[in-house]
Amino acid sequence: MVMLIIVVFAMLAAGLAYSMKVETKLARNSSWDTELEWLGRSGIELSKYVLSQSGRGGQYDALNQVWAGGTGETNDALADITLTDYELGHGKFSVKIVDCDRKFNINMAATSPDIMNQALILMGVDATEVPHIVAAVQDWIDRDDNVTAGGQDTESSYYMGLRPPFGPYRAKNGPIDDIYELLRIKYITPEMFFGSGAGASTSPMRVINANRHNQEEVRTYPVGFLDLFTTVSSRFININTASANVLQLIPDVDGNLAQAIITTRAGPDGVEGNEDDMPFRSLGELSNVPGMTAQLSQLFARNFATRSSTFEVTVEATIGTYSRTYHAMVRRVNQQQIVTLFMWWN
């Protein structure tokens, strides 16, 4: 009986000790919440400072600059600034800045069938599906519930007929605010949205999507909507940060010309992000690109710029083994003023 009582008390004591350990850890983590938030906010403010300094006296944004993770230029004012493992208080944070103007604005593309057609060709979408997808995106954005010519039941009447968990819901009938809204549009599958690029491995692929009915129908696409479009960029694409695929969204720009642009801006070593880069300081410098014609130069002048206006900031804040990721969207108002549009964390 005595041994049994001792065993019972030992078990209770072990349970209490474990419970107290958990409670202590939760209390410690709770006390770090505020400090983690300020680490995240500090990272965002650091990014705004870096972007404002990059705007001083310059007329371009490029991948070799400090804000983009590049080495910076000779005598760069930000030479002593680090965006990784920045120690502050009891923790540290790392900052990553990506300009949104390296992609085309989906709301502007939706009103330009040529851009949408070109995008779907780059993605490898079957030619018979192209007009239906273009019409479906236009119907999602336009202000009415009338099906666009070429479309097939791509307004609210279709979406309201979907059964859970796919629906029902109404067509947006307004601008796309989040690029992930494309997954709610008829014909667009997760594979078509994510593509097979780097974003596919880090994005939430387990998406409830009514357009993919069984695994036998799954197709792969070398490029996805996520690689080409955003919702927050200006109407101009940054010629210094756009990928070869984004450059080819413009009609008459083929793969050879797109690669020639990237090779030219990369400089002698052919690698972007270091001191020998040769970013375009003005669109007039595109005349130095092999294969560029006067007609194409005019086309680029209507669609491209050398600066970016909107940036997505990601801050990884860490205290000991506890970490949190903060995100913010910031916009350049003028050469030195950067404002925060909104912030969130996960």
Protein backbone atom coordinates (compact mmCIF):
# COMPACT_ATOMS: atom_id res chain seq x y z
CA MET A 1 0.00 0.00 0.00
CA VAL A 2 2.83 2.41 0.95
CA MET A 3 4.64 1.68 -2.34
CA LEU A 4 1.43 2.26 -4.28
CA ILE A 5 0.88 5.61 -2.55
CA ILE A 6 4.50 6.62 -3.29
CA VAL A 7 4.08 5.70 -6.99
CA VAL A 8 0.84 7.68 -7.24
CA PHE A 9 2.42 10.74 -5.61
CA ALA A 10 5.46 10.43 -7.85
CA MET A 11 3.24 10.39 -10.93
CA LEU A 12 1.31 13.42 -9.67
CA ALA A 13 4.55 15.25 -8.94
CA ALA A 14 5.90 14.46 -12.43
CA GLY A 15 2.67 15.68 -14.03
CA LEU A 16 2.74 18.86 -11.98
CA ALA A 17 6.39 19.48 -12.87
CA TYR A 18 5.68 19.03 -16.58
CA SER A 19 2.61 21.29 -16.35
CA MET A 20 4.64 23.98 -14.59
CA LYS A 21 7.36 23.70 -17.26
CA VAL A 22 4.79 24.23 -20.00
CA GLU A 23 3.15 27.12 -18.13
CA THR A 24 6.55 28.74 -17.57
CA LYS A 25 7.42 28.44 -21.25
CA LEU A 26 4.06 29.86 -22.31
CA ALA A 27 4.48 32.76 -19.89
CA ARG A 28 7.99 33.43 -21.23
CA ASN A 29 6.78 33.31 -24.82
CA SER A 30 3.90 35.61 -23.94
CA SER A 31 6.32 38.09 -22.40
CA TRP A 32 8.30 38.00 -25.66
CA ASP A 33 5.28 38.83 -27.83
CA THR A 34 5.70 42.56 -27.40
CA GLU A 35 9.45 42.43 -27.96
CA LEU A 36 9.02 40.28 -31.06
CA GLU A 37 6.50 42.76 -32.43
CA TRP A 38 8.93 45.62 -31.93
CA LEU A 39 11.67 43.61 -33.59
CA GLY A 40 9.34 43.15 -36.55
CA ARG A 41 8.43 46.83 -36.63
CA SER A 42 12.10 47.77 -36.33
CA GLY A 43 12.89 45.58 -39.34
CA ILE A 44 10.18 47.32 -41.36
CA GLU A 45 11.49 50.76 -40.37
CA LEU A 46 15.02 49.68 -41.31
CA SER A 47 13.75 48.62 -44.73
CA LYS A 48 12.09 52.03 -45.20
CA TYR A 49 15.34 53.77 -44.28
CA VAL A 50 17.31 51.66 -46.75
CA LEU A 51 14.79 52.34 -49.51
CA SER A 52 14.79 56.07 -48.79
CA GLN A 53 18.59 56.18 -48.93
CA SER A 54 18.56 54.23 -52.20
CA GLY A 55 16.27 56.92 -53.59
CA ARG A 56 18.66 59.78 -52.86
CA GLY A 57 19.96 61.21 -56.11
CA GLY A 58 19.19 58.04 -58.01
CA GLN A 59 16.73 57.42 -60.79
CA TYR A 60 16.68 53.64 -60.79
CA ASP A 61 16.18 50.57 -58.59
CA ALA A 62 18.21 47.47 -59.38
CA LEU A 63 19.17 44.05 -58.04
CA ASN A 64 22.71 45.08 -57.16
CA GLN A 65 21.50 47.60 -54.58
CA VAL A 66 21.52 46.93 -50.84
CA TRP A 67 17.72 46.85 -50.49
CA ALA A 68 17.58 43.90 -52.96
CA GLY A 69 20.33 41.97 -51.15
CA GLY A 70 23.00 43.04 -53.63
CA THR A 71 26.54 44.07 -52.77
CA GLY A 72 25.83 47.74 -53.42
CA GLU A 73 27.87 50.10 -55.51
CA THR A 74 31.28 51.62 -54.82
CA ASN A 75 31.13 54.16 -51.96
CA ASP A 76 27.52 53.18 -51.26
CA ALA A 77 26.03 55.18 -48.36
CA LEU A 78 24.50 51.93 -47.07
CA ALA A 79 27.77 49.98 -47.09
CA ASP A 80 27.70 49.50 -43.29
CA ILE A 81 24.02 48.47 -43.14
CA THR A 82 23.20 44.80 -42.74
CA LEU A 83 19.79 43.29 -43.43
CA THR A 84 20.60 39.90 -41.93
CA ASP A 85 20.98 38.93 -38.26
CA TYR A 86 20.57 42.51 -37.05
CA GLU A 87 20.86 42.26 -33.25
CA LEU A 88 18.52 44.35 -31.13
CA GLY A 89 17.56 43.89 -27.48
CA HIS A 90 17.24 40.22 -26.57
CA GLY A 91 16.83 39.08 -30.16
CA LYS A 92 17.68 39.71 -33.77
CA PHE A 93 15.93 40.10 -37.09
CA SER A 94 16.61 39.65 -40.78
CA VAL A 95 14.95 41.66 -43.53
CA LYS A 96 14.12 40.73 -47.11
CA ILE A 97 12.81 43.35 -49.55
CA VAL A 98 11.21 42.49 -52.90
CA ASP A 99 9.86 45.11 -55.27
CA CYS A 100 6.38 44.44 -56.60
CA ASP A 101 7.00 46.31 -59.84
CA ARG A 102 9.02 43.40 -61.19
CA LYS A 103 5.63 41.90 -62.11
CA PHE A 104 2.64 43.10 -64.14
CA ASN A 105 -0.49 44.35 -62.39
CA ILE A 106 -3.21 41.71 -62.95
CA ASN A 107 -6.00 44.29 -62.93
CA MET A 108 -4.39 46.13 -65.84
CA ALA A 109 -3.61 42.88 -67.63
CA ALA A 110 -7.25 41.81 -67.38
CA THR A 111 -8.28 44.77 -69.50
CA SER A 112 -5.58 44.02 -72.07
CA PRO A 113 -6.35 40.75 -73.90
CA ASP A 114 -2.93 40.85 -75.61
CA ILE A 115 -1.13 40.71 -72.25
CA MET A 116 -3.35 37.94 -70.90
CA ASN A 117 -3.02 35.91 -74.09
CA GLN A 118 0.75 36.27 -73.97
CA ALA A 119 0.81 35.21 -70.32
CA LEU A 120 -1.18 32.06 -70.97
CA ILE A 121 1.06 31.19 -73.94
CA LEU A 122 4.14 31.56 -71.71
CA MET A 123 2.49 29.33 -69.12
CA GLY A 124 1.87 26.62 -71.71
CA VAL A 125 -1.92 26.68 -71.45
CA ASP A 126 -3.73 24.81 -74.21
CA ALA A 127 -4.75 27.23 -76.99
CA THR A 128 -8.39 26.11 -76.80
CA GLU A 129 -8.54 27.13 -73.12
CA VAL A 130 -7.01 30.59 -73.55
CA PRO A 131 -10.11 32.59 -74.61
CA HIS A 132 -12.22 31.00 -71.85
CA ILE A 133 -9.67 31.87 -69.13
CA VAL A 134 -9.25 35.44 -70.42
CA ALA A 135 -13.04 35.92 -70.40
CA ALA A 136 -13.35 34.38 -66.92
CA VAL A 137 -10.81 36.81 -65.44
CA GLN A 138 -12.54 39.75 -67.14
CA ASP A 139 -15.92 38.61 -65.79
CA TRP A 140 -14.47 38.39 -62.28
CA ILE A 141 -13.28 42.00 -62.45
CA ASP A 142 -15.96 43.78 -64.46
CA ARG A 143 -18.82 45.56 -62.69
CA ASP A 144 -21.70 43.51 -64.06
CA ASP A 145 -22.99 39.94 -64.12
CA ASN A 146 -23.06 39.70 -67.89
CA VAL A 147 -20.84 37.00 -69.41
CA THR A 148 -18.05 38.40 -71.59
CA ALA A 149 -17.95 37.33 -75.22
CA GLY A 150 -15.94 34.12 -75.42
CA GLY A 151 -16.81 33.18 -71.85
CA GLN A 152 -18.87 30.22 -70.72
CA ASP A 153 -20.95 30.82 -67.59
CA THR A 154 -18.24 32.70 -65.67
CA GLU A 155 -20.36 35.10 -63.62
CA SER A 156 -22.09 34.81 -60.24
CA SER A 157 -24.67 32.35 -61.58
CA TYR A 158 -21.92 29.75 -61.93
CA TYR A 159 -20.13 30.41 -58.63
CA MET A 160 -23.36 30.48 -56.63
CA GLY A 161 -24.12 27.01 -57.97
CA LEU A 162 -20.96 25.47 -56.51
CA ARG A 163 -21.42 23.13 -53.58
CA PRO A 164 -19.35 23.16 -50.38
CA PRO A 165 -16.43 23.16 -49.88
CA PHE A 166 -15.93 24.89 -53.25
CA GLY A 167 -18.68 27.49 -52.83
CA PRO A 168 -21.08 29.11 -53.13
CA TYR A 169 -19.83 32.69 -53.59
CA ARG A 170 -20.38 35.58 -55.98
CA ALA A 171 -18.08 36.92 -58.67
CA LYS A 172 -15.96 39.77 -57.32
CA ASN A 173 -17.21 42.31 -59.89
CA GLY A 174 -14.37 44.59 -58.88
CA PRO A 175 -10.56 44.84 -58.92
CA ILE A 176 -8.55 41.88 -57.60
CA ASP A 177 -7.15 42.83 -54.18
CA ASP A 178 -5.25 39.60 -53.48
CA ILE A 179 -3.54 37.62 -56.24
CA TYR A 180 -4.83 34.41 -54.62
CA GLU A 181 -8.34 35.42 -55.73
CA LEU A 182 -7.40 33.95 -59.10
CA LEU A 183 -7.83 30.51 -57.52
CA ARG A 184 -11.54 31.27 -57.14
CA ILE A 185 -11.98 31.94 -60.85
CA LYS A 186 -13.36 29.26 -63.15
CA TYR A 187 -10.76 27.30 -65.18
CA ILE A 188 -7.75 28.42 -63.07
CA THR A 189 -6.24 25.46 -61.20
CA PRO A 190 -3.60 25.55 -58.42
CA GLU A 191 -1.02 24.15 -60.87
CA MET A 192 -1.80 26.93 -63.33
CA PHE A 193 -1.61 29.52 -60.55
CA PHE A 194 1.62 28.41 -58.85
CA GLY A 195 3.46 26.98 -61.85
CA SER A 196 6.52 24.84 -61.21
CA GLY A 197 8.85 27.68 -60.13
CA ALA A 198 10.35 28.41 -56.73
CA GLY A 199 7.05 29.73 -55.41
CA ALA A 200 5.38 26.34 -55.85
CA SER A 201 7.51 24.69 -53.16
CA THR A 202 6.86 27.41 -50.56
CA SER A 203 3.22 28.19 -51.27
CA PRO A 204 0.17 26.49 -49.72
CA MET A 205 -0.55 23.98 -52.47
CA ARG A 206 -3.39 22.33 -50.54
CA VAL A 207 -5.98 24.72 -51.91
CA ILE A 208 -9.68 23.93 -52.16
CA ASN A 209 -10.32 24.55 -55.83
CA ALA A 210 -13.40 23.60 -57.82
CA ASN A 211 -11.47 23.63 -61.10
CA ARG A 212 -9.43 20.50 -60.27
CA HIS A 213 -11.79 17.58 -60.01
CA ASN A 214 -9.39 14.64 -59.91
CA GLN A 215 -5.66 14.01 -59.82
CA GLU A 216 -5.66 12.38 -63.26
CA GLU A 217 -6.36 15.79 -64.80
CA VAL A 218 -3.40 17.53 -63.11
CA ARG A 219 -1.05 19.26 -65.54
CA THR A 220 2.21 21.04 -64.91
CA TYR A 221 3.05 24.52 -66.14
CA PRO A 222 6.61 25.93 -66.36
CA VAL A 223 5.33 29.40 -65.41
CA GLY A 224 2.38 30.32 -63.20
CA PHE A 225 0.20 33.37 -62.66
CA LEU A 226 2.09 33.96 -59.40
CA ASP A 227 5.36 34.33 -61.33
CA LEU A 228 3.96 36.99 -63.65
CA PHE A 229 1.38 39.07 -61.82
CA THR A 230 0.74 41.05 -58.67
CA THR A 231 -2.08 43.32 -57.49
CA VAL A 232 -0.12 46.21 -55.98
CA SER A 233 2.38 47.30 -58.63
CA SER A 234 2.08 50.47 -60.67
CA ARG A 235 1.28 50.39 -64.38
CA PHE A 236 5.01 50.32 -65.23
CA ILE A 237 7.30 47.28 -64.92
CA ASN A 238 10.82 47.86 -63.57
CA ILE A 239 13.17 46.97 -66.44
CA ASN A 240 15.99 46.35 -63.91
CA THR A 241 14.22 43.73 -61.79
CA ALA A 242 11.73 42.01 -64.11
CA SER A 243 12.35 38.36 -65.00
CA ALA A 244 12.70 37.15 -68.58
CA ASN A 245 9.17 35.74 -68.41
CA VAL A 246 7.67 39.04 -67.28
CA LEU A 247 9.55 40.90 -70.02
CA GLN A 248 7.92 38.59 -72.56
CA LEU A 249 4.44 39.61 -71.45
CA ILE A 250 4.82 42.55 -73.82
CA PRO A 251 3.89 41.55 -77.39
CA ASP A 252 6.85 41.39 -79.82
CA VAL A 253 9.33 40.76 -76.98
CA ASP A 254 10.64 37.22 -77.51
CA GLY A 255 12.89 35.07 -75.37
CA ASN A 256 16.08 36.17 -77.13
CA LEU A 257 15.43 39.88 -76.55
CA ALA A 258 14.36 39.29 -72.94
CA GLN A 259 17.56 37.37 -72.24
CA ALA A 260 19.63 40.05 -73.98
CA ILE A 261 18.16 42.67 -71.63
CA ILE A 262 19.02 40.59 -68.57
CA THR A 263 22.54 39.85 -69.86
CA THR A 264 23.16 43.56 -70.52
CA ARG A 265 22.06 44.68 -67.07
CA ALA A 266 24.03 41.86 -65.38
CA GLY A 267 27.35 43.31 -66.56
CA PRO A 268 30.55 41.57 -67.66
CA ASP A 269 30.34 38.60 -65.26
CA GLY A 270 26.75 37.77 -66.27
CA VAL A 271 25.64 37.53 -62.63
CA GLU A 272 23.18 40.03 -61.17
CA GLY A 273 23.51 41.49 -57.69
CA ASN A 274 27.14 42.64 -57.57
CA GLU A 275 29.27 45.71 -58.27
CA ASP A 276 29.85 45.12 -61.98
CA ASP A 277 26.12 45.18 -62.79
CA MET A 278 25.06 47.68 -65.43
CA PRO A 279 21.42 48.53 -64.59
CA PHE A 280 19.52 50.81 -66.92
CA ARG A 281 19.55 54.35 -65.55
CA SER A 282 17.09 55.45 -68.23
CA LEU A 283 15.00 53.65 -70.84
CA GLY A 284 17.11 55.34 -73.51
CA GLU A 285 19.96 52.99 -72.57
CA LEU A 286 17.94 50.09 -73.97
CA SER A 287 19.40 51.08 -77.34
CA ASN A 288 22.57 49.30 -76.17
CA VAL A 289 20.74 45.96 -76.04
CA PRO A 290 21.40 43.69 -79.06
CA GLY A 291 18.27 43.29 -81.15
CA MET A 292 16.56 46.44 -79.84
CA THR A 293 14.85 48.53 -82.53
CA ALA A 294 13.36 52.02 -82.49
CA GLN A 295 9.85 50.56 -82.65
CA LEU A 296 10.54 48.25 -79.70
CA SER A 297 12.07 51.14 -77.74
CA GLN A 298 8.77 53.02 -78.05
CA LEU A 299 6.93 49.90 -76.88
CA PHE A 300 9.17 49.66 -73.80
CA ALA A 301 8.67 53.37 -73.05
CA ARG A 302 4.92 52.74 -72.77
CA ASN A 303 5.23 49.79 -70.39
CA PHE A 304 8.49 50.03 -68.44
CA ALA A 305 10.34 52.28 -66.00
CA THR A 306 13.66 52.13 -64.15
CA ARG A 307 12.19 52.61 -60.67
CA SER A 308 9.88 50.63 -58.40
CA SER A 309 7.18 52.21 -56.27
CA THR A 310 5.86 49.37 -54.08
CA PHE A 311 7.86 46.86 -52.04
CA GLU A 312 7.00 43.80 -49.95
CA VAL A 313 9.05 43.53 -46.76
CA THR A 314 9.52 40.26 -44.83
CA VAL A 315 11.06 40.36 -41.36
CA GLU A 316 12.15 37.21 -39.51
CA ALA A 317 12.27 38.14 -35.80
CA THR A 318 13.91 35.72 -33.35
CA ILE A 319 14.40 35.58 -29.59
CA GLY A 320 16.14 32.38 -28.54
CA THR A 321 14.18 29.53 -30.09
CA TYR A 322 11.00 31.61 -30.49
CA SER A 323 10.48 33.30 -33.86
CA ARG A 324 7.80 35.12 -35.82
CA THR A 325 7.54 36.36 -39.40
CA TYR A 326 6.25 39.85 -40.10
CA HIS A 327 5.20 41.19 -43.48
CA ALA A 328 4.54 44.71 -44.69
CA MET A 329 3.74 46.47 -47.92
CA VAL A 330 5.48 49.83 -48.25
CA ARG A 331 5.29 52.44 -50.99
CA ARG A 332 7.67 55.13 -52.17
CA VAL A 333 5.83 58.46 -52.17
CA ASN A 334 8.84 60.41 -53.42
CA GLN A 335 12.61 59.89 -53.57
CA GLN A 336 12.99 59.89 -49.79
CA GLN A 337 9.56 59.29 -48.25
CA ILE A 338 8.46 55.68 -47.77
CA VAL A 339 5.08 54.91 -46.14
CA THR A 340 3.71 51.65 -44.74
CA LEU A 341 0.47 50.60 -46.43
CA PHE A 342 -0.30 47.64 -44.15
CA MET A 343 1.40 45.02 -41.98
CA TRP A 344 0.61 41.45 -40.89
CA TRP A 345 2.39 38.55 -39.23
CA ASN A 346 2.33 34.74 -39.05
